[in-house]
Amino acid sequence: MNFEKLYLDKVEQARSKKAKEILETKGVDVNCPNCDSKITVNSLNYECPHCNKSFEVEFNHN
């Protein structure tokens, strides 16, 4: 059994859960990928109020 991989998987799950929690409670400032307007999103799927185009929010864990 690879304990390091299990540990890293648990850490990644915790990070993803915390990121989603922050997104849904406080929101995250992003630029719309379609019109570049700065907006605060609070869900993984969002429609820009400026251009009315939908996009998906993704988190980069580096």
Protein backbone atom coordinates (compact mmCIF):
# COMPACT_ATOMS: atom_id res chain seq x y z
CA MET A 1 0.00 0.00 0.00
CA ASN A 2 1.39 3.42 -0.96
CA PHE A 3 0.83 5.58 2.12
CA GLU A 4 2.38 8.68 0.53
CA LYS A 5 -0.14 8.57 -2.33
CA LEU A 6 -3.02 8.05 0.10
CA TYR A 7 -1.81 11.01 2.16
CA LEU A 8 -1.45 13.25 -0.90
CA ASP A 9 -4.93 12.24 -2.10
CA LYS A 10 -6.39 13.20 1.29
CA VAL A 11 -4.58 16.55 1.23
CA GLU A 12 -5.89 17.26 -2.27
CA GLN A 13 -9.44 16.37 -1.22
CA ALA A 14 -9.20 18.70 1.79
CA ARG A 15 -7.84 21.55 -0.37
CA SER A 16 -10.60 21.10 -2.95
CA LYS A 17 -13.26 21.02 -0.24
CA LYS A 18 -11.91 24.21 1.39
CA ALA A 19 -11.67 26.02 -1.96
CA LYS A 20 -15.29 25.13 -2.80
CA GLU A 21 -16.39 26.23 0.68
CA ILE A 22 -14.73 29.64 0.23
CA LEU A 23 -16.21 29.96 -3.26
CA GLU A 24 -19.74 29.28 -2.01
CA THR A 25 -19.57 31.45 1.15
CA LYS A 26 -17.33 34.42 0.39
CA GLY A 27 -17.01 34.24 -3.36
CA VAL A 28 -13.86 34.47 -5.43
CA ASP A 29 -12.79 37.43 -7.58
CA VAL A 30 -12.05 36.39 -11.17
CA ASN A 31 -11.92 37.93 -14.61
CA CYS A 32 -14.54 36.67 -17.03
CA PRO A 33 -12.77 34.54 -19.65
CA ASN A 34 -15.09 35.97 -22.33
CA CYS A 35 -15.16 39.75 -21.73
CA ASP A 36 -12.39 40.14 -19.10
CA SER A 37 -14.69 41.96 -16.63
CA LYS A 38 -13.73 41.55 -12.98
CA ILE A 39 -16.54 39.78 -11.12
CA THR A 40 -17.07 37.87 -7.88
CA VAL A 41 -18.34 34.34 -8.45
CA ASN A 42 -19.89 32.03 -5.87
CA SER A 43 -20.48 28.82 -7.79
CA LEU A 44 -18.52 26.51 -10.09
CA ASN A 45 -20.79 27.35 -13.03
CA TYR A 46 -21.37 31.05 -13.48
CA GLU A 47 -22.93 33.46 -15.95
CA CYS A 48 -21.17 36.79 -16.33
CA PRO A 49 -23.56 39.70 -15.65
CA HIS A 50 -21.70 41.85 -18.19
CA CYS A 51 -21.62 39.62 -21.29
CA ASN A 52 -24.22 37.00 -20.23
CA LYS A 53 -21.91 34.13 -21.21
CA SER A 54 -21.50 31.12 -18.96
CA PHE A 55 -18.20 29.67 -17.82
CA GLU A 56 -16.88 27.10 -15.37
CA VAL A 57 -14.65 28.07 -12.45
CA GLU A 58 -11.61 25.83 -12.02
CA PHE A 59 -9.00 25.83 -9.27
CA ASN A 60 -5.32 25.37 -9.95
CA HIS A 61 -3.58 23.61 -7.07
CA ASN A 62 0.11 24.36 -7.44
